[in-house]
């Protein structure tokens, strides 16, 4: 009769002692550039350890949007965005805890 209570207590203790999951942040990217953005990479701020984020497809230029999930990067990140024409732009030290949107500016003319 006391065995189920003991197992329940032990299970709850194990759950409470487990490490908390890394915070998850969602960031909406709004592409104001003319060229479609084909890839987005993220790295914790002040590092060069970039990894690609999953996109459903290119983010259309002229206002296309995509929401990406960021886990385990901390609040400040570097975002590297590559466009269909091969150009790249880097947004350094972006605070994803204070804001949930990033406006991708139009690229300068070549």
N, C-alpha and C. Protein backbone atom coordinates (compact mmCIF):
# COMPACT_ATOMS: atom_id res chain seq x y z
N UNK A 1 0.81 -1.19 0.00
CA UNK A 1 0.00 0.00 0.00
C UNK A 1 0.86 1.26 0.00
N UNK A 2 2.00 1.22 0.72
CA UNK A 2 2.87 2.39 0.75
C UNK A 2 3.84 2.42 -0.42
N UNK A 3 3.99 1.32 -1.11
CA UNK A 3 4.92 1.25 -2.25
C UNK A 3 4.56 2.23 -3.35
N UNK A 4 3.28 2.34 -3.78
CA UNK A 4 2.97 3.32 -4.82
C UNK A 4 3.28 4.75 -4.39
N UNK A 5 3.05 5.09 -3.14
CA UNK A 5 3.36 6.45 -2.66
C UNK A 5 4.87 6.69 -2.68
N UNK A 6 5.62 5.68 -2.30
CA UNK A 6 7.08 5.80 -2.31
C UNK A 6 7.59 5.99 -3.73
N UNK A 7 7.05 5.22 -4.66
CA UNK A 7 7.46 5.36 -6.07
C UNK A 7 7.07 6.73 -6.62
N UNK A 8 5.90 7.21 -6.25
CA UNK A 8 5.45 8.52 -6.69
C UNK A 8 6.37 9.60 -6.14
N UNK A 9 6.71 9.52 -4.88
CA UNK A 9 7.59 10.51 -4.27
C UNK A 9 8.97 10.47 -4.92
N UNK A 10 9.50 9.29 -5.18
CA UNK A 10 10.81 9.16 -5.82
C UNK A 10 10.77 9.72 -7.24
N UNK A 11 9.70 9.47 -7.96
CA UNK A 11 9.56 9.98 -9.33
C UNK A 11 9.51 11.51 -9.34
N UNK A 12 8.75 12.07 -8.42
CA UNK A 12 8.65 13.53 -8.35
C UNK A 12 9.99 14.15 -7.97
N UNK A 13 10.73 13.50 -7.11
CA UNK A 13 12.03 14.00 -6.71
C UNK A 13 13.00 13.99 -7.91
N UNK A 14 12.95 12.95 -8.69
CA UNK A 14 13.81 12.86 -9.88
C UNK A 14 13.46 13.95 -10.89
N UNK A 15 12.19 14.19 -11.08
CA UNK A 15 11.75 15.22 -12.02
C UNK A 15 12.21 16.60 -11.55
N UNK A 16 12.05 16.86 -10.26
CA UNK A 16 12.43 18.17 -9.72
C UNK A 16 13.94 18.37 -9.76
N UNK A 17 14.71 17.31 -9.65
CA UNK A 17 16.17 17.42 -9.64
C UNK A 17 16.78 17.50 -11.03
N UNK A 18 16.01 17.19 -12.06
CA UNK A 18 16.58 17.21 -13.40
C UNK A 18 16.89 18.65 -13.81
N UNK A 19 17.88 18.80 -14.68
CA UNK A 19 18.31 20.13 -15.12
C UNK A 19 17.21 20.78 -15.95
N UNK A 20 16.99 22.07 -15.75
CA UNK A 20 15.98 22.76 -16.55
C UNK A 20 16.42 22.85 -18.00
N UNK A 21 15.46 22.83 -18.89
CA UNK A 21 15.76 22.93 -20.33
C UNK A 21 16.23 24.35 -20.63
N UNK A 22 17.08 24.47 -21.64
CA UNK A 22 17.56 25.79 -22.06
C UNK A 22 16.36 26.61 -22.54
N UNK A 23 16.37 27.91 -22.23
CA UNK A 23 15.24 28.75 -22.64
C UNK A 23 15.06 28.74 -24.16
N UNK A 24 13.84 28.80 -24.57
CA UNK A 24 13.49 28.83 -25.99
C UNK A 24 12.98 30.22 -26.33
N UNK A 25 13.54 30.81 -27.37
CA UNK A 25 13.11 32.12 -27.84
C UNK A 25 12.68 31.98 -29.30
N UNK A 26 11.61 32.68 -29.65
CA UNK A 26 11.18 32.72 -31.04
C UNK A 26 11.51 34.10 -31.60
N UNK A 27 12.04 34.13 -32.81
CA UNK A 27 12.41 35.37 -33.46
C UNK A 27 11.77 35.40 -34.84
N UNK A 28 11.02 36.45 -35.11
CA UNK A 28 10.43 36.63 -36.43
C UNK A 28 11.35 37.51 -37.26
N UNK A 29 11.75 37.00 -38.40
CA UNK A 29 12.62 37.71 -39.32
C UNK A 29 11.75 38.32 -40.43
N UNK A 30 11.89 39.61 -40.64
CA UNK A 30 11.14 40.32 -41.67
C UNK A 30 12.14 40.84 -42.69
N UNK A 31 12.08 40.32 -43.90
CA UNK A 31 13.07 40.63 -44.93
C UNK A 31 12.64 41.83 -45.77
N UNK A 32 13.26 42.99 -45.49
CA UNK A 32 13.01 44.21 -46.25
C UNK A 32 13.98 44.37 -47.42
N UNK A 33 14.92 43.46 -47.52
CA UNK A 33 15.84 43.49 -48.66
C UNK A 33 15.08 43.06 -49.91
N UNK A 34 15.66 43.34 -51.07
CA UNK A 34 15.00 42.94 -52.32
C UNK A 34 15.21 41.47 -52.64
N UNK A 35 16.37 40.94 -52.25
CA UNK A 35 16.71 39.55 -52.55
C UNK A 35 16.14 38.62 -51.48
N UNK A 36 15.71 37.42 -51.87
CA UNK A 36 15.26 36.44 -50.87
C UNK A 36 16.43 35.99 -49.99
N UNK A 37 16.16 35.81 -48.71
CA UNK A 37 17.15 35.26 -47.78
C UNK A 37 17.06 33.74 -47.84
N UNK A 38 18.17 33.09 -48.14
CA UNK A 38 18.15 31.64 -48.33
C UNK A 38 18.63 30.86 -47.11
N UNK A 39 19.42 31.50 -46.25
CA UNK A 39 19.85 30.80 -45.04
C UNK A 39 20.06 31.79 -43.91
N UNK A 40 19.83 31.30 -42.70
CA UNK A 40 20.04 32.07 -41.48
C UNK A 40 20.85 31.20 -40.54
N UNK A 41 21.94 31.76 -40.03
CA UNK A 41 22.78 31.06 -39.07
C UNK A 41 22.84 31.88 -37.79
N UNK A 42 23.00 31.19 -36.66
CA UNK A 42 23.03 31.87 -35.36
C UNK A 42 24.21 31.36 -34.56
N UNK A 43 24.77 32.27 -33.75
CA UNK A 43 25.84 31.93 -32.81
C UNK A 43 25.63 32.77 -31.56
N UNK A 44 26.01 32.24 -30.43
CA UNK A 44 25.99 33.04 -29.21
C UNK A 44 26.89 34.25 -29.44
N UNK A 45 26.51 35.38 -28.88
CA UNK A 45 27.27 36.61 -29.06
C UNK A 45 28.72 36.40 -28.64
N UNK A 46 29.63 37.05 -29.36
CA UNK A 46 31.07 37.00 -29.11
C UNK A 46 31.69 35.63 -29.42
N UNK A 47 31.00 34.82 -30.24
CA UNK A 47 31.58 33.57 -30.70
C UNK A 47 31.41 33.48 -32.22
N UNK A 48 32.13 32.56 -32.81
CA UNK A 48 31.98 32.29 -34.24
C UNK A 48 31.42 30.89 -34.48
N UNK A 49 30.77 30.32 -33.47
CA UNK A 49 30.23 28.96 -33.57
C UNK A 49 28.82 29.01 -34.17
N UNK A 50 28.74 29.37 -35.44
CA UNK A 50 27.44 29.51 -36.11
C UNK A 50 26.88 28.13 -36.45
N UNK A 51 25.56 28.02 -36.37
CA UNK A 51 24.86 26.83 -36.87
C UNK A 51 23.60 27.30 -37.59
N UNK A 52 23.23 26.55 -38.61
CA UNK A 52 22.09 26.91 -39.45
C UNK A 52 20.78 26.71 -38.72
N UNK A 53 19.85 27.61 -38.96
CA UNK A 53 18.49 27.48 -38.44
C UNK A 53 17.60 26.88 -39.52
N UNK A 54 16.62 26.13 -39.10
CA UNK A 54 15.70 25.49 -40.05
C UNK A 54 14.73 26.53 -40.61
N UNK A 55 14.71 26.62 -41.93
CA UNK A 55 13.74 27.48 -42.63
C UNK A 55 12.88 26.59 -43.51
N UNK A 56 11.62 26.93 -43.63
CA UNK A 56 10.72 26.17 -44.50
C UNK A 56 11.06 26.41 -45.97
N UNK A 57 11.71 27.50 -46.25
CA UNK A 57 12.09 27.89 -47.60
C UNK A 57 12.69 29.28 -47.53
N UNK A 58 13.09 29.83 -48.67
CA UNK A 58 13.65 31.19 -48.65
C UNK A 58 12.64 32.20 -48.08
N UNK A 59 13.18 33.23 -47.43
CA UNK A 59 12.34 34.32 -46.92
C UNK A 59 12.27 35.36 -48.03
N UNK A 60 11.10 35.53 -48.60
CA UNK A 60 10.92 36.42 -49.75
C UNK A 60 11.35 37.84 -49.41
N UNK A 61 11.98 38.49 -50.40
CA UNK A 61 12.34 39.88 -50.24
C UNK A 61 11.10 40.77 -50.28
N UNK A 62 11.24 42.00 -49.81
CA UNK A 62 10.13 42.94 -49.86
C UNK A 62 9.10 42.74 -48.77
N UNK A 63 9.45 42.07 -47.69
CA UNK A 63 8.51 41.94 -46.57
C UNK A 63 8.16 40.52 -46.18
N UNK A 64 8.78 39.53 -46.81
CA UNK A 64 8.54 38.14 -46.40
C UNK A 64 8.97 37.91 -44.96
N UNK A 65 8.31 36.96 -44.30
CA UNK A 65 8.59 36.71 -42.90
C UNK A 65 8.78 35.23 -42.63
N UNK A 66 9.55 34.96 -41.59
CA UNK A 66 9.72 33.59 -41.09
C UNK A 66 10.00 33.69 -39.60
N UNK A 67 9.48 32.75 -38.84
CA UNK A 67 9.75 32.69 -37.41
C UNK A 67 10.65 31.49 -37.15
N UNK A 68 11.73 31.74 -36.42
CA UNK A 68 12.69 30.68 -36.11
C UNK A 68 12.76 30.50 -34.60
N UNK A 69 13.10 29.30 -34.19
CA UNK A 69 13.25 28.98 -32.76
C UNK A 69 14.73 28.97 -32.41
N UNK A 70 15.06 29.64 -31.32
CA UNK A 70 16.43 29.70 -30.83
C UNK A 70 16.46 29.07 -29.44
N UNK A 71 17.25 28.03 -29.28
CA UNK A 71 17.36 27.37 -27.97
C UNK A 71 18.83 27.28 -27.57
N UNK A 72 19.09 27.66 -26.34
CA UNK A 72 20.43 27.50 -25.80
C UNK A 72 21.44 28.52 -26.27
N UNK A 73 21.00 29.63 -26.83
CA UNK A 73 21.94 30.63 -27.34
C UNK A 73 22.14 31.78 -26.36
N UNK A 74 21.31 31.88 -25.34
CA UNK A 74 21.36 33.04 -24.47
C UNK A 74 20.56 34.18 -25.09
N UNK A 75 20.61 35.33 -24.43
CA UNK A 75 19.82 36.47 -24.90
C UNK A 75 20.47 37.21 -26.07
N UNK A 76 21.77 37.26 -26.09
CA UNK A 76 22.46 38.00 -27.14
C UNK A 76 23.08 37.04 -28.15
N UNK A 77 22.73 37.25 -29.42
CA UNK A 77 23.18 36.35 -30.48
C UNK A 77 23.71 37.16 -31.66
N UNK A 78 24.48 36.48 -32.49
CA UNK A 78 24.89 37.00 -33.79
C UNK A 78 24.10 36.23 -34.83
N UNK A 79 23.55 36.93 -35.79
CA UNK A 79 22.78 36.31 -36.87
C UNK A 79 23.46 36.63 -38.19
N UNK A 80 23.74 35.59 -38.97
CA UNK A 80 24.36 35.74 -40.29
C UNK A 80 23.33 35.29 -41.32
N UNK A 81 22.97 36.19 -42.21
CA UNK A 81 21.92 35.93 -43.20
C UNK A 81 22.54 35.95 -44.58
N UNK A 82 22.26 34.90 -45.36
CA UNK A 82 22.76 34.80 -46.72
C UNK A 82 21.59 34.95 -47.68
N UNK A 83 21.81 35.73 -48.75
CA UNK A 83 20.77 35.99 -49.73
C UNK A 83 21.02 35.19 -51.00
N UNK A 84 19.99 35.10 -51.81
CA UNK A 84 20.04 34.31 -53.04
C UNK A 84 21.17 34.76 -53.97
N UNK A 85 21.49 36.06 -53.96
CA UNK A 85 22.55 36.56 -54.83
C UNK A 85 23.95 36.34 -54.24
N UNK A 86 24.05 35.65 -53.09
CA UNK A 86 25.33 35.31 -52.49
C UNK A 86 25.83 36.30 -51.45
N UNK A 87 25.20 37.44 -51.36
CA UNK A 87 25.65 38.41 -50.36
C UNK A 87 25.21 37.99 -48.97
N UNK A 88 25.94 38.47 -47.97
CA UNK A 88 25.64 38.16 -46.57
C UNK A 88 25.58 39.44 -45.76
N UNK A 89 24.83 39.35 -44.66
CA UNK A 89 24.77 40.44 -43.71
C UNK A 89 24.86 39.83 -42.31
N UNK A 90 25.54 40.54 -41.41
CA UNK A 90 25.72 40.06 -40.04
C UNK A 90 25.06 41.03 -39.09
N UNK A 91 24.18 40.52 -38.26
CA UNK A 91 23.58 41.31 -37.18
C UNK A 91 24.24 40.83 -35.89
N UNK A 92 25.09 41.67 -35.31
CA UNK A 92 25.86 41.30 -34.12
C UNK A 92 25.15 41.74 -32.85
N UNK A 93 25.30 40.91 -31.83
CA UNK A 93 24.84 41.24 -30.49
C UNK A 93 23.35 41.59 -30.43
N UNK A 94 22.53 40.84 -31.14
CA UNK A 94 21.09 41.05 -31.17
C UNK A 94 20.46 40.46 -29.91
N UNK A 95 19.67 41.25 -29.20
CA UNK A 95 19.05 40.80 -27.95
C UNK A 95 17.69 40.17 -28.25
N UNK A 96 17.61 38.85 -28.20
CA UNK A 96 16.37 38.14 -28.51
C UNK A 96 15.46 38.00 -27.29
N UNK A 97 15.93 38.42 -26.12
CA UNK A 97 15.09 38.40 -24.92
C UNK A 97 14.23 39.66 -24.84
N UNK A 98 14.73 40.77 -25.35
CA UNK A 98 13.99 42.03 -25.28
C UNK A 98 13.07 42.24 -26.48
N UNK A 99 13.39 41.60 -27.59
CA UNK A 99 12.56 41.78 -28.78
C UNK A 99 12.38 40.46 -29.50
N UNK A 100 11.26 40.32 -30.18
CA UNK A 100 10.98 39.06 -30.87
C UNK A 100 10.93 39.23 -32.39
N UNK A 101 11.42 40.38 -32.89
CA UNK A 101 11.43 40.61 -34.34
C UNK A 101 12.76 41.22 -34.75
N UNK A 102 13.18 40.85 -35.95
CA UNK A 102 14.37 41.44 -36.55
C UNK A 102 14.03 41.88 -37.94
N UNK A 103 14.19 43.16 -38.20
CA UNK A 103 13.95 43.71 -39.51
C UNK A 103 15.23 43.64 -40.32
N UNK A 104 15.24 42.82 -41.35
CA UNK A 104 16.42 42.66 -42.21
C UNK A 104 16.41 43.83 -43.19
N UNK A 105 17.39 44.70 -43.07
CA UNK A 105 17.44 45.91 -43.89
C UNK A 105 17.81 45.60 -45.32
N UNK A 106 17.45 46.53 -46.20
CA UNK A 106 17.85 46.41 -47.61
C UNK A 106 19.36 46.48 -47.69
N UNK A 107 19.94 45.66 -48.55
CA UNK A 107 21.38 45.64 -48.71
C UNK A 107 21.83 46.84 -49.54
N UNK A 108 23.02 47.35 -49.27
CA UNK A 108 23.52 48.48 -50.10
C UNK A 108 23.74 48.01 -51.54
N UNK A 109 23.60 48.94 -52.46
CA UNK A 109 23.81 48.64 -53.87
C UNK A 109 25.25 48.21 -54.10
N UNK A 110 25.44 47.33 -55.05
CA UNK A 110 26.80 46.85 -55.36
C UNK A 110 27.58 47.90 -56.10
